[in-house]
Amino acid sequence: MSHDVYLVGGVDLSHPYDCLVYLVDGGQEMVLIDSGAGEGYELIVDNIRSLGLQPERITGVVATHAHIDHIGALWQFQQELGSKVMAHELDAKAIETGVGSGAEYYGVGYRTCEVDVVLKGSGGTLQCGRHSLRWIHIPGHTPGSIAVYLDIAGRRVLFGQDIHGPYFLKGSNKDQARASLQRLIELEADVLCEGHFGVYEPKEEVRRYIDGYRRGLQ
């Protein structure tokens, strides 16, 4: 995938309900991108240890959006490892109340938690040890959807979350999604870490993948 970026959770790695969970190792600090639906927490932690890394170094978990398959284990990382939960202000309420999380569609319980770092506006930077993670607001799938990207060894790695959508759920907006996907294309990422369908590279394949869904929203 890329140096200091690892896939540590997902359907085949932790639990069938989990999104793909990625880890960025910044040295003294590590950041997790999404947490999975909850029941795969222990396996995610075990997977991190199997890489020779210490889960206790996870200082933050970025919630790309407030759907259960991405946020179900936030409270566990927060309470058991002391990780700070980070999410956009427009999805923070769903994380803190569970309303709009979609947990009922999965038939699982959702344990709420407080959002420690509320991301506001259209973008910003989160520091993870030796790496600077940049986030951008990409509404469409949910009002507070965000993507995260970083540049490592001359390559741009994009955590684009659920590029595939769907975009017909309550809180979704196709017009916003179309503009957001165009914004992701313009980042010209070399590697795309998608929320459910794996890792895409090189740059041409990343563009083709994102643009396919953008064109589908016309």
N, C-alpha and C. Protein backbone atom coordinates (compact mmCIF):
# COMPACT_ATOMS: atom_id res chain seq x y z
N MET A 1 0.85 -1.20 0.00
CA MET A 1 0.00 0.00 0.00
C MET A 1 0.88 1.24 0.00
N SER A 2 1.46 1.55 1.16
CA SER A 2 2.39 2.66 1.25
C SER A 2 3.08 2.60 2.61
N HIS A 3 4.27 3.12 2.67
CA HIS A 3 5.01 3.14 3.92
C HIS A 3 4.21 3.86 5.01
N ASP A 4 4.12 3.24 6.19
CA ASP A 4 3.44 3.79 7.37
C ASP A 4 1.91 3.76 7.27
N VAL A 5 1.35 3.13 6.26
CA VAL A 5 -0.10 3.00 6.13
C VAL A 5 -0.46 1.52 6.07
N TYR A 6 -1.40 1.11 6.91
CA TYR A 6 -1.75 -0.30 7.02
C TYR A 6 -3.26 -0.49 7.00
N LEU A 7 -3.69 -1.61 6.44
CA LEU A 7 -5.08 -2.03 6.51
C LEU A 7 -5.19 -3.00 7.68
N VAL A 8 -5.99 -2.64 8.68
CA VAL A 8 -6.03 -3.44 9.92
C VAL A 8 -7.42 -3.98 10.24
N GLY A 9 -8.44 -3.61 9.48
CA GLY A 9 -9.78 -4.10 9.75
C GLY A 9 -10.62 -4.13 8.49
N GLY A 10 -11.67 -4.95 8.51
CA GLY A 10 -12.56 -5.07 7.37
C GLY A 10 -13.28 -6.40 7.40
N VAL A 11 -14.05 -6.66 6.39
CA VAL A 11 -14.88 -7.87 6.33
C VAL A 11 -14.05 -9.13 6.55
N ASP A 12 -12.89 -9.22 5.91
CA ASP A 12 -12.07 -10.43 6.00
C ASP A 12 -11.02 -10.37 7.10
N LEU A 13 -10.93 -9.22 7.77
CA LEU A 13 -9.88 -9.05 8.77
C LEU A 13 -10.39 -8.95 10.20
N SER A 14 -11.61 -8.47 10.38
CA SER A 14 -12.08 -8.24 11.74
C SER A 14 -13.53 -8.68 11.96
N HIS A 15 -14.48 -8.20 11.12
CA HIS A 15 -15.88 -8.58 11.29
C HIS A 15 -16.64 -8.29 10.00
N PRO A 16 -17.62 -9.12 9.65
CA PRO A 16 -18.37 -8.92 8.40
C PRO A 16 -19.07 -7.57 8.29
N TYR A 17 -19.36 -6.92 9.41
CA TYR A 17 -20.04 -5.63 9.37
C TYR A 17 -19.08 -4.45 9.27
N ASP A 18 -17.79 -4.70 9.40
CA ASP A 18 -16.82 -3.61 9.45
C ASP A 18 -16.53 -3.01 8.09
N CYS A 19 -16.38 -1.68 8.07
CA CYS A 19 -15.79 -1.02 6.92
C CYS A 19 -14.31 -1.38 6.91
N LEU A 20 -13.59 -0.91 5.92
CA LEU A 20 -12.14 -1.07 5.93
C LEU A 20 -11.55 -0.04 6.88
N VAL A 21 -10.72 -0.52 7.78
CA VAL A 21 -10.12 0.31 8.82
C VAL A 21 -8.63 0.44 8.52
N TYR A 22 -8.16 1.66 8.43
CA TYR A 22 -6.77 1.92 8.07
C TYR A 22 -6.02 2.57 9.24
N LEU A 23 -4.74 2.29 9.32
CA LEU A 23 -3.89 2.85 10.37
C LEU A 23 -2.75 3.63 9.75
N VAL A 24 -2.50 4.82 10.28
CA VAL A 24 -1.34 5.63 9.88
C VAL A 24 -0.37 5.66 11.05
N ASP A 25 0.84 5.20 10.81
CA ASP A 25 1.87 5.17 11.85
C ASP A 25 2.77 6.39 11.71
N GLY A 26 2.66 7.30 12.68
CA GLY A 26 3.48 8.50 12.66
C GLY A 26 4.64 8.46 13.63
N GLY A 27 4.98 7.25 14.11
CA GLY A 27 6.08 7.14 15.06
C GLY A 27 5.56 7.10 16.49
N GLN A 28 5.72 8.18 17.21
CA GLN A 28 5.23 8.24 18.58
C GLN A 28 3.70 8.26 18.65
N GLU A 29 3.06 8.65 17.56
CA GLU A 29 1.61 8.71 17.51
C GLU A 29 1.10 7.92 16.31
N MET A 30 -0.07 7.34 16.45
CA MET A 30 -0.73 6.68 15.34
C MET A 30 -2.18 7.15 15.29
N VAL A 31 -2.74 7.17 14.09
CA VAL A 31 -4.13 7.56 13.90
C VAL A 31 -4.85 6.47 13.12
N LEU A 32 -6.06 6.16 13.57
CA LEU A 32 -6.89 5.18 12.90
C LEU A 32 -7.92 5.92 12.05
N ILE A 33 -8.15 5.43 10.84
CA ILE A 33 -9.19 5.98 9.98
C ILE A 33 -10.39 5.05 10.08
N ASP A 34 -11.42 5.49 10.80
CA ASP A 34 -12.63 4.73 11.11
C ASP A 34 -12.34 3.59 12.09
N SER A 35 -13.43 3.03 12.64
CA SER A 35 -13.25 2.07 13.73
C SER A 35 -13.93 0.72 13.51
N GLY A 36 -14.72 0.60 12.45
CA GLY A 36 -15.50 -0.61 12.29
C GLY A 36 -16.80 -0.52 13.08
N ALA A 37 -17.63 -1.56 12.98
CA ALA A 37 -18.97 -1.54 13.56
C ALA A 37 -19.02 -1.84 15.05
N GLY A 38 -17.93 -2.36 15.61
CA GLY A 38 -17.90 -2.58 17.06
C GLY A 38 -17.46 -3.97 17.47
N GLU A 39 -18.06 -4.99 16.88
CA GLU A 39 -17.77 -6.35 17.31
C GLU A 39 -16.38 -6.82 16.88
N GLY A 40 -15.77 -6.13 15.95
CA GLY A 40 -14.43 -6.52 15.50
C GLY A 40 -13.30 -5.81 16.22
N TYR A 41 -13.64 -5.07 17.27
CA TYR A 41 -12.62 -4.26 17.96
C TYR A 41 -11.40 -5.07 18.38
N GLU A 42 -11.61 -6.19 19.04
CA GLU A 42 -10.48 -6.98 19.55
C GLU A 42 -9.59 -7.48 18.42
N LEU A 43 -10.20 -7.89 17.32
CA LEU A 43 -9.40 -8.37 16.19
C LEU A 43 -8.62 -7.24 15.55
N ILE A 44 -9.20 -6.06 15.48
CA ILE A 44 -8.47 -4.90 14.94
C ILE A 44 -7.24 -4.63 15.80
N VAL A 45 -7.42 -4.64 17.10
CA VAL A 45 -6.30 -4.42 18.02
C VAL A 45 -5.25 -5.52 17.84
N ASP A 46 -5.71 -6.78 17.72
CA ASP A 46 -4.77 -7.89 17.51
C ASP A 46 -4.02 -7.73 16.20
N ASN A 47 -4.70 -7.28 15.17
CA ASN A 47 -4.05 -7.08 13.87
C ASN A 47 -2.96 -6.03 13.95
N ILE A 48 -3.21 -4.99 14.73
CA ILE A 48 -2.21 -3.94 14.91
C ILE A 48 -0.99 -4.49 15.64
N ARG A 49 -1.24 -5.27 16.67
CA ARG A 49 -0.12 -5.88 17.41
C ARG A 49 0.68 -6.83 16.52
N SER A 50 -0.01 -7.54 15.63
CA SER A 50 0.68 -8.50 14.75
C SER A 50 1.64 -7.81 13.79
N LEU A 51 1.44 -6.51 13.58
CA LEU A 51 2.35 -5.73 12.74
C LEU A 51 3.58 -5.25 13.50
N GLY A 52 3.61 -5.57 14.80
CA GLY A 52 4.70 -5.11 15.64
C GLY A 52 4.49 -3.71 16.16
N LEU A 53 3.25 -3.23 16.08
CA LEU A 53 2.91 -1.88 16.54
C LEU A 53 2.11 -1.95 17.82
N GLN A 54 2.13 -0.88 18.60
CA GLN A 54 1.44 -0.83 19.88
C GLN A 54 0.15 -0.03 19.76
N PRO A 55 -1.01 -0.67 19.93
CA PRO A 55 -2.28 0.05 19.84
C PRO A 55 -2.38 1.22 20.81
N GLU A 56 -1.64 1.15 21.90
CA GLU A 56 -1.66 2.24 22.88
C GLU A 56 -1.14 3.55 22.30
N ARG A 57 -0.48 3.49 21.16
CA ARG A 57 0.01 4.71 20.51
C ARG A 57 -1.03 5.36 19.60
N ILE A 58 -2.24 4.78 19.54
CA ILE A 58 -3.30 5.39 18.73
C ILE A 58 -3.85 6.59 19.49
N THR A 59 -3.44 7.76 19.08
CA THR A 59 -3.87 8.98 19.78
C THR A 59 -5.21 9.50 19.29
N GLY A 60 -5.60 9.09 18.08
CA GLY A 60 -6.86 9.58 17.55
C GLY A 60 -7.50 8.60 16.58
N VAL A 61 -8.82 8.63 16.51
CA VAL A 61 -9.58 7.87 15.52
C VAL A 61 -10.42 8.86 14.74
N VAL A 62 -10.19 8.94 13.45
CA VAL A 62 -10.95 9.84 12.58
C VAL A 62 -12.17 9.11 12.05
N ALA A 63 -13.34 9.63 12.33
CA ALA A 63 -14.58 9.06 11.79
C ALA A 63 -14.89 9.78 10.48
N THR A 64 -14.78 9.07 9.37
CA THR A 64 -15.02 9.72 8.08
C THR A 64 -16.48 10.10 7.91
N HIS A 65 -17.38 9.37 8.56
CA HIS A 65 -18.80 9.74 8.60
C HIS A 65 -19.49 8.88 9.64
N ALA A 66 -20.74 9.24 9.95
CA ALA A 66 -21.38 8.69 11.14
C ALA A 66 -22.29 7.49 10.88
N HIS A 67 -21.86 6.56 10.04
CA HIS A 67 -22.60 5.32 9.85
C HIS A 67 -21.98 4.23 10.72
N ILE A 68 -22.82 3.34 11.22
CA ILE A 68 -22.44 2.38 12.24
C ILE A 68 -21.22 1.54 11.86
N ASP A 69 -21.09 1.17 10.59
CA ASP A 69 -19.96 0.32 10.20
C ASP A 69 -18.63 1.06 10.27
N HIS A 70 -18.69 2.37 10.47
CA HIS A 70 -17.48 3.19 10.60
C HIS A 70 -17.25 3.69 12.03
N ILE A 71 -18.29 3.69 12.85
CA ILE A 71 -18.18 4.35 14.17
C ILE A 71 -18.49 3.45 15.36
N GLY A 72 -18.87 2.20 15.12
CA GLY A 72 -19.35 1.35 16.21
C GLY A 72 -18.36 1.09 17.33
N ALA A 73 -17.07 1.11 17.01
CA ALA A 73 -16.05 0.83 18.03
C ALA A 73 -15.36 2.09 18.55
N LEU A 74 -15.87 3.25 18.18
CA LEU A 74 -15.22 4.49 18.64
C LEU A 74 -15.10 4.53 20.15
N TRP A 75 -16.18 4.17 20.84
CA TRP A 75 -16.18 4.26 22.30
C TRP A 75 -15.12 3.36 22.92
N GLN A 76 -14.86 2.20 22.28
CA GLN A 76 -13.86 1.29 22.82
C GLN A 76 -12.45 1.84 22.68
N PHE A 77 -12.15 2.39 21.53
CA PHE A 77 -10.83 3.01 21.36
C PHE A 77 -10.68 4.21 22.31
N GLN A 78 -11.75 4.93 22.49
CA GLN A 78 -11.73 6.09 23.37
C GLN A 78 -11.52 5.68 24.82
N GLN A 79 -12.28 4.72 25.30
CA GLN A 79 -12.23 4.34 26.71
C GLN A 79 -11.07 3.42 27.05
N GLU A 80 -10.76 2.48 26.17
CA GLU A 80 -9.74 1.48 26.50
C GLU A 80 -8.33 1.91 26.14
N LEU A 81 -8.20 2.74 25.10
CA LEU A 81 -6.87 3.17 24.68
C LEU A 81 -6.64 4.66 24.84
N GLY A 82 -7.68 5.40 25.22
CA GLY A 82 -7.54 6.83 25.41
C GLY A 82 -7.43 7.62 24.12
N SER A 83 -7.88 7.02 23.01
CA SER A 83 -7.81 7.70 21.71
C SER A 83 -8.89 8.78 21.63
N LYS A 84 -8.55 9.88 21.00
CA LYS A 84 -9.51 10.96 20.82
C LYS A 84 -10.33 10.71 19.55
N VAL A 85 -11.64 10.88 19.67
CA VAL A 85 -12.54 10.73 18.53
C VAL A 85 -12.61 12.05 17.78
N MET A 86 -12.40 11.99 16.47
CA MET A 86 -12.40 13.17 15.63
C MET A 86 -13.45 13.01 14.54
N ALA A 87 -14.30 14.03 14.37
CA ALA A 87 -15.35 13.96 13.36
C ALA A 87 -15.80 15.36 13.00
N HIS A 88 -16.41 15.49 11.82
CA HIS A 88 -16.92 16.78 11.38
C HIS A 88 -18.14 17.18 12.19
N GLU A 89 -18.29 18.47 12.39
CA GLU A 89 -19.38 18.98 13.21
C GLU A 89 -20.76 18.56 12.70
N LEU A 90 -20.91 18.36 11.39
CA LEU A 90 -22.21 18.01 10.84
C LEU A 90 -22.59 16.54 11.05
N ASP A 91 -21.63 15.72 11.45
CA ASP A 91 -21.92 14.32 11.79
C ASP A 91 -21.70 14.03 13.27
N ALA A 92 -21.24 15.01 14.02
CA ALA A 92 -20.94 14.80 15.44
C ALA A 92 -22.18 14.40 16.24
N LYS A 93 -23.31 15.02 15.95
CA LYS A 93 -24.53 14.72 16.70
C LYS A 93 -24.93 13.27 16.54
N ALA A 94 -24.82 12.75 15.33
CA ALA A 94 -25.17 11.34 15.09
C ALA A 94 -24.25 10.41 15.88
N ILE A 95 -22.98 10.75 15.97
CA ILE A 95 -22.05 9.94 16.75
C ILE A 95 -22.38 10.00 18.23
N GLU A 96 -22.76 11.16 18.71
CA GLU A 96 -23.01 11.34 20.13
C GLU A 96 -24.39 10.89 20.57
N THR A 97 -25.33 10.72 19.62
CA THR A 97 -26.68 10.29 19.99
C THR A 97 -27.07 8.95 19.37
N GLY A 98 -26.44 8.58 18.28
CA GLY A 98 -26.81 7.37 17.56
C GLY A 98 -27.90 7.58 16.54
N VAL A 99 -28.57 8.71 16.57
CA VAL A 99 -29.65 9.00 15.63
C VAL A 99 -29.05 9.28 14.25
N GLY A 100 -29.40 8.45 13.28
CA GLY A 100 -28.84 8.59 11.95
C GLY A 100 -27.64 7.71 11.70
N SER A 101 -27.27 6.88 12.67
CA SER A 101 -26.11 6.00 12.50
C SER A 101 -26.40 4.78 11.64
N GLY A 102 -27.69 4.44 11.50
CA GLY A 102 -28.07 3.27 10.71
C GLY A 102 -27.85 1.96 11.43
N ALA A 103 -27.63 2.01 12.75
CA ALA A 103 -27.39 0.77 13.50
C ALA A 103 -28.55 -0.20 13.38
N GLU A 104 -29.76 0.34 13.27
CA GLU A 104 -30.93 -0.53 13.21
C GLU A 104 -30.93 -1.41 11.97
N TYR A 105 -30.31 -0.96 10.89
CA TYR A 105 -30.27 -1.75 9.66
C TYR A 105 -29.30 -2.93 9.77
N TYR A 106 -28.36 -2.82 10.67
CA TYR A 106 -27.40 -3.90 10.89
C TYR A 106 -27.84 -4.85 12.00
N GLY A 107 -28.84 -4.43 12.77
CA GLY A 107 -29.30 -5.25 13.88
C GLY A 107 -28.30 -5.33 15.01
N VAL A 108 -27.50 -4.28 15.17
CA VAL A 108 -26.52 -4.25 16.26
C VAL A 108 -26.77 -3.02 17.12
N GLY A 109 -26.33 -3.10 18.35
CA GLY A 109 -26.45 -1.96 19.24
C GLY A 109 -25.32 -0.97 18.99
N TYR A 110 -25.60 0.28 19.27
CA TYR A 110 -24.55 1.30 19.14
C TYR A 110 -24.37 2.00 20.46
N ARG A 111 -23.16 2.02 20.94
CA ARG A 111 -22.84 2.73 22.17
C ARG A 111 -22.28 4.10 21.81
N THR A 112 -22.96 5.13 22.26
CA THR A 112 -22.57 6.49 21.90
C THR A 112 -21.27 6.90 22.58
N CYS A 113 -20.65 7.93 22.06
CA CYS A 113 -19.46 8.49 22.69
C CYS A 113 -19.35 9.96 22.31
N GLU A 114 -18.56 10.68 23.05
CA GLU A 114 -18.36 12.09 22.80
C GLU A 114 -17.32 12.29 21.70
N VAL A 115 -17.56 13.27 20.85
CA VAL A 115 -16.56 13.64 19.86
C VAL A 115 -15.58 14.60 20.52
N ASP A 116 -14.33 14.19 20.65
CA ASP A 116 -13.32 14.99 21.36
C ASP A 116 -12.82 16.16 20.52
N VAL A 117 -12.64 15.91 19.24
CA VAL A 117 -12.13 16.94 18.32
C VAL A 117 -13.17 17.14 17.23
N VAL A 118 -13.87 18.27 17.28
CA VAL A 118 -14.91 18.58 16.31
C VAL A 118 -14.27 19.37 15.16
N LEU A 119 -14.31 18.79 13.98
CA LEU A 119 -13.73 19.43 12.80
C LEU A 119 -14.76 20.36 12.17
N LYS A 120 -14.37 21.59 11.95
CA LYS A 120 -15.30 22.59 11.44
C LYS A 120 -14.82 23.15 10.12
N GLY A 121 -15.79 23.50 9.28
CA GLY A 121 -15.45 24.14 8.02
C GLY A 121 -15.19 23.15 6.90
N SER A 122 -14.36 23.58 5.95
CA SER A 122 -14.15 22.80 4.73
C SER A 122 -12.88 21.98 4.72
N GLY A 123 -12.00 22.19 5.70
CA GLY A 123 -10.77 21.41 5.72
C GLY A 123 -9.80 21.87 6.77
N GLY A 124 -8.77 21.09 6.97
CA GLY A 124 -7.76 21.43 7.97
C GLY A 124 -6.69 20.36 8.04
N THR A 125 -5.86 20.43 9.06
CA THR A 125 -4.73 19.52 9.22
C THR A 125 -4.76 18.89 10.61
N LEU A 126 -4.47 17.60 10.66
CA LEU A 126 -4.34 16.86 11.91
C LEU A 126 -2.93 16.29 11.96
N GLN A 127 -2.23 16.52 13.04
CA GLN A 127 -0.86 16.03 13.14
C GLN A 127 -0.84 14.62 13.72
N CYS A 128 -0.05 13.76 13.11
CA CYS A 128 0.13 12.39 13.60
C CYS A 128 1.62 12.11 13.61
N GLY A 129 2.28 12.53 14.68
CA GLY A 129 3.72 12.34 14.76
C GLY A 129 4.42 12.99 13.59
N ARG A 130 5.15 12.18 12.82
CA ARG A 130 5.92 12.72 11.69
C ARG A 130 5.08 13.01 10.46
N HIS A 131 3.79 12.69 10.51
CA HIS A 131 2.92 12.90 9.35
C HIS A 131 1.86 13.96 9.61
N SER A 132 1.59 14.76 8.60
CA SER A 132 0.49 15.72 8.65
C SER A 132 -0.66 15.16 7.81
N LEU A 133 -1.79 14.93 8.47
CA LEU A 133 -2.97 14.44 7.78
C LEU A 133 -3.85 15.62 7.43
N ARG A 134 -4.19 15.76 6.18
CA ARG A 134 -5.09 16.83 5.76
C ARG A 134 -6.49 16.25 5.52
N TRP A 135 -7.49 16.95 6.02
CA TRP A 135 -8.86 16.49 5.85
C TRP A 135 -9.65 17.53 5.07
N ILE A 136 -10.62 17.04 4.29
CA ILE A 136 -11.51 17.93 3.56
C ILE A 136 -12.95 17.46 3.74
N HIS A 137 -13.84 18.41 3.79
CA HIS A 137 -15.27 18.12 3.93
C HIS A 137 -15.82 17.73 2.57
N ILE A 138 -16.42 16.53 2.49
CA ILE A 138 -16.97 16.05 1.22
C ILE A 138 -18.41 15.59 1.43
N PRO A 139 -19.34 16.51 1.69
CA PRO A 139 -20.73 16.12 1.91
C PRO A 139 -21.32 15.42 0.70
N GLY A 140 -22.33 14.60 0.97
CA GLY A 140 -22.99 13.88 -0.10
C GLY A 140 -23.49 12.53 0.37
N HIS A 141 -22.58 11.72 0.90
CA HIS A 141 -22.98 10.45 1.51
C HIS A 141 -23.68 10.72 2.84
N THR A 142 -23.08 11.57 3.64
CA THR A 142 -23.71 12.14 4.84
C THR A 142 -23.36 13.63 4.85
N PRO A 143 -24.06 14.43 5.65
CA PRO A 143 -23.75 15.86 5.70
C PRO A 143 -22.33 16.17 6.14
N GLY A 144 -21.80 15.35 7.05
CA GLY A 144 -20.48 15.62 7.60
C GLY A 144 -19.39 14.68 7.13
N SER A 145 -19.56 14.07 5.97
CA SER A 145 -18.53 13.17 5.44
C SER A 145 -17.22 13.94 5.21
N ILE A 146 -16.12 13.28 5.53
CA ILE A 146 -14.81 13.87 5.25
C ILE A 146 -13.91 12.82 4.59
N ALA A 147 -12.90 13.30 3.90
CA ALA A 147 -11.83 12.46 3.39
C ALA A 147 -10.53 12.95 4.01
N VAL A 148 -9.56 12.06 4.10
CA VAL A 148 -8.27 12.38 4.69
C VAL A 148 -7.18 11.99 3.70
N TYR A 149 -6.15 12.80 3.59
CA TYR A 149 -5.04 12.42 2.72
C TYR A 149 -3.72 12.89 3.30
N LEU A 150 -2.65 12.24 2.87
CA LEU A 150 -1.30 12.62 3.30
C LEU A 150 -0.32 12.27 2.21
N ASP A 151 0.79 12.96 2.22
CA ASP A 151 1.85 12.74 1.23
C ASP A 151 3.00 12.01 1.92
N ILE A 152 3.36 10.84 1.36
CA ILE A 152 4.43 10.03 1.93
C ILE A 152 5.37 9.61 0.81
N ALA A 153 6.64 9.91 0.97
CA ALA A 153 7.67 9.48 0.02
C ALA A 153 7.29 9.80 -1.42
N GLY A 154 6.77 11.00 -1.63
CA GLY A 154 6.45 11.44 -2.97
C GLY A 154 5.15 10.92 -3.54
N ARG A 155 4.36 10.24 -2.70
CA ARG A 155 3.07 9.73 -3.16
C ARG A 155 1.96 10.25 -2.27
N ARG A 156 0.82 10.57 -2.88
CA ARG A 156 -0.34 11.05 -2.13
C ARG A 156 -1.29 9.88 -1.87
N VAL A 157 -1.57 9.63 -0.59
CA VAL A 157 -2.47 8.55 -0.18
C VAL A 157 -3.77 9.17 0.29
N LEU A 158 -4.87 8.76 -0.32
CA LEU A 158 -6.18 9.32 -0.03
C LEU A 158 -7.08 8.28 0.63
N PHE A 159 -7.60 8.63 1.80
CA PHE A 159 -8.63 7.82 2.46
C PHE A 159 -9.96 8.46 2.06
N GLY A 160 -10.56 7.93 1.01
CA GLY A 160 -11.70 8.59 0.41
C GLY A 160 -13.04 8.21 0.98
N GLN A 161 -13.06 7.33 1.97
CA GLN A 161 -14.26 6.76 2.58
C GLN A 161 -15.20 6.19 1.55
N ASP A 162 -16.51 6.27 1.72
CA ASP A 162 -17.45 5.53 0.88
C ASP A 162 -17.74 6.26 -0.43
N ILE A 163 -16.76 6.27 -1.30
CA ILE A 163 -16.91 6.91 -2.61
C ILE A 163 -18.07 6.31 -3.38
N HIS A 164 -18.28 5.02 -3.18
CA HIS A 164 -19.35 4.32 -3.89
C HIS A 164 -20.75 4.69 -3.39
N GLY A 165 -20.82 5.43 -2.28
CA GLY A 165 -22.12 5.79 -1.72
C GLY A 165 -22.59 4.75 -0.71
N PRO A 166 -23.89 4.48 -0.64
CA PRO A 166 -24.94 4.97 -1.53
C PRO A 166 -25.30 6.43 -1.26
N TYR A 167 -25.98 7.03 -2.23
CA TYR A 167 -26.35 8.43 -2.15
C TYR A 167 -27.87 8.65 -2.17
N PHE A 168 -28.59 7.61 -1.73
CA PHE A 168 -30.05 7.73 -1.67
C PHE A 168 -30.58 7.63 -0.24
N LEU A 169 -29.68 7.53 0.73
CA LEU A 169 -30.10 7.40 2.12
C LEU A 169 -30.54 8.75 2.68
N LYS A 170 -31.26 8.70 3.80
CA LYS A 170 -31.63 9.93 4.48
C LYS A 170 -30.35 10.67 4.88
N GLY A 171 -30.28 11.93 4.54
CA GLY A 171 -29.09 12.72 4.81
C GLY A 171 -28.13 12.78 3.64
N SER A 172 -28.37 11.97 2.61
CA SER A 172 -27.52 12.01 1.42
C SER A 172 -27.98 13.12 0.48
N ASN A 173 -27.06 13.53 -0.39
CA ASN A 173 -27.37 14.60 -1.34
C ASN A 173 -26.53 14.37 -2.59
N LYS A 174 -27.20 14.03 -3.70
CA LYS A 174 -26.48 13.68 -4.92
C LYS A 174 -25.72 14.86 -5.51
N ASP A 175 -26.29 16.05 -5.44
CA ASP A 175 -25.60 17.23 -5.99
C ASP A 175 -24.32 17.51 -5.22
N GLN A 176 -24.41 17.43 -3.90
CA GLN A 176 -23.22 17.63 -3.08
C GLN A 176 -22.19 16.53 -3.36
N ALA A 177 -22.68 15.31 -3.50
CA ALA A 177 -21.77 14.18 -3.74
C ALA A 177 -21.01 14.36 -5.04
N ARG A 178 -21.69 14.82 -6.09
CA ARG A 178 -21.04 15.02 -7.38
C ARG A 178 -19.90 16.03 -7.25
N ALA A 179 -20.16 17.12 -6.56
CA ALA A 179 -19.12 18.14 -6.36
C ALA A 179 -17.99 17.61 -5.49
N SER A 180 -18.33 16.83 -4.48
CA SER A 180 -17.31 16.28 -3.58
C SER A 180 -16.41 15.29 -4.30
N LEU A 181 -16.98 14.45 -5.14
CA LEU A 181 -16.17 13.49 -5.89
C LEU A 181 -15.24 14.21 -6.87
N GLN A 182 -15.71 15.29 -7.45
CA GLN A 182 -14.84 16.08 -8.32
C GLN A 182 -13.67 16.66 -7.52
N ARG A 183 -13.95 17.08 -6.32
CA ARG A 183 -12.89 17.63 -5.46
C ARG A 183 -11.84 16.55 -5.16
N LEU A 184 -12.30 15.32 -4.95
CA LEU A 184 -11.36 14.22 -4.68
C LEU A 184 -10.51 13.93 -5.92
N ILE A 185 -11.12 13.97 -7.09
CA ILE A 185 -10.36 13.76 -8.32
C ILE A 185 -9.25 14.78 -8.45
N GLU A 186 -9.56 16.03 -8.11
CA GLU A 186 -8.60 17.12 -8.25
C GLU A 186 -7.42 17.01 -7.28
N LEU A 187 -7.52 16.15 -6.28
CA LEU A 187 -6.39 15.92 -5.38
C LEU A 187 -5.28 15.12 -6.05
N GLU A 188 -5.61 14.44 -7.15
CA GLU A 188 -4.65 13.66 -7.92
C GLU A 188 -3.87 12.68 -7.04
N ALA A 189 -4.61 11.89 -6.27
CA ALA A 189 -3.98 10.92 -5.37
C ALA A 189 -3.34 9.77 -6.16
N ASP A 190 -2.24 9.29 -5.64
CA ASP A 190 -1.57 8.13 -6.24
C ASP A 190 -2.15 6.82 -5.73
N VAL A 191 -2.66 6.84 -4.50
CA VAL A 191 -3.23 5.65 -3.87
C VAL A 191 -4.56 6.03 -3.25
N LEU A 192 -5.59 5.24 -3.51
CA LEU A 192 -6.90 5.44 -2.89
C LEU A 192 -7.19 4.29 -1.96
N CYS A 193 -7.44 4.61 -0.68
CA CYS A 193 -7.90 3.64 0.30
C CYS A 193 -9.39 3.87 0.49
N GLU A 194 -10.21 3.04 -0.17
CA GLU A 194 -11.65 3.24 -0.17
C GLU A 194 -12.26 2.62 1.08
N GLY A 195 -13.50 3.02 1.38
CA GLY A 195 -14.12 2.60 2.63
C GLY A 195 -14.56 1.16 2.71
N HIS A 196 -14.77 0.52 1.55
CA HIS A 196 -15.24 -0.87 1.56
C HIS A 196 -14.60 -1.74 0.48
N PHE A 197 -14.19 -1.13 -0.64
CA PHE A 197 -13.81 -1.91 -1.80
C PHE A 197 -12.32 -1.96 -2.07
N GLY A 198 -11.50 -1.67 -1.07
CA GLY A 198 -10.09 -1.92 -1.18
C GLY A 198 -9.24 -0.74 -1.59
N VAL A 199 -8.03 -1.06 -2.04
CA VAL A 199 -7.00 -0.07 -2.33
C VAL A 199 -6.77 -0.02 -3.84
N TYR A 200 -6.74 1.20 -4.38
CA TYR A 200 -6.57 1.39 -5.81
C TYR A 200 -5.33 2.22 -6.09
N GLU A 201 -4.57 1.82 -7.07
CA GLU A 201 -3.42 2.56 -7.56
C GLU A 201 -3.07 2.01 -8.95
N PRO A 202 -2.36 2.76 -9.78
CA PRO A 202 -1.75 4.08 -9.57
C PRO A 202 -2.75 5.21 -9.79
N LYS A 203 -2.22 6.40 -10.03
CA LYS A 203 -3.03 7.61 -10.13
C LYS A 203 -4.15 7.49 -11.16
N GLU A 204 -3.86 6.89 -12.30
CA GLU A 204 -4.85 6.77 -13.36
C GLU A 204 -6.03 5.90 -12.92
N GLU A 205 -5.74 4.85 -12.18
CA GLU A 205 -6.79 3.96 -11.69
C GLU A 205 -7.62 4.64 -10.61
N VAL A 206 -6.97 5.43 -9.78
CA VAL A 206 -7.69 6.19 -8.75
C VAL A 206 -8.68 7.14 -9.40
N ARG A 207 -8.22 7.86 -10.38
CA ARG A 207 -9.10 8.81 -11.07
C ARG A 207 -10.26 8.08 -11.75
N ARG A 208 -9.96 6.97 -12.43
CA ARG A 208 -11.01 6.22 -13.12
C ARG A 208 -12.07 5.74 -12.14
N TYR A 209 -11.63 5.24 -10.98
CA TYR A 209 -12.57 4.72 -9.99
C TYR A 209 -13.50 5.82 -9.48
N ILE A 210 -12.92 6.94 -9.05
CA ILE A 210 -13.74 8.03 -8.50
C ILE A 210 -14.65 8.61 -9.57
N ASP A 211 -14.10 8.83 -10.76
CA ASP A 211 -14.88 9.46 -11.81
C ASP A 211 -16.04 8.57 -12.27
N GLY A 212 -15.88 7.27 -12.15
CA GLY A 212 -16.97 6.38 -12.51
C GLY A 212 -18.20 6.62 -11.65
N TYR A 213 -18.00 6.81 -10.37
CA TYR A 213 -19.12 7.10 -9.48
C TYR A 213 -19.63 8.52 -9.67
N ARG A 214 -18.73 9.45 -9.95
CA ARG A 214 -19.17 10.83 -10.21
C ARG A 214 -20.09 10.88 -11.42
N ARG A 215 -19.69 10.21 -12.49
CA ARG A 215 -20.50 10.21 -13.70
C ARG A 215 -21.84 9.50 -13.48
N GLY A 216 -21.86 8.55 -12.58
CA GLY A 216 -23.08 7.85 -12.27
C GLY A 216 -24.13 8.72 -11.57
N LEU A 217 -23.68 9.87 -11.07
CA LEU A 217 -24.59 10.80 -10.38
C LEU A 217 -25.12 11.88 -11.30
N GLN A 218 -24.79 11.83 -12.59
CA GLN A 218 -25.27 12.86 -13.52
C GLN A 218 -26.79 12.75 -13.73
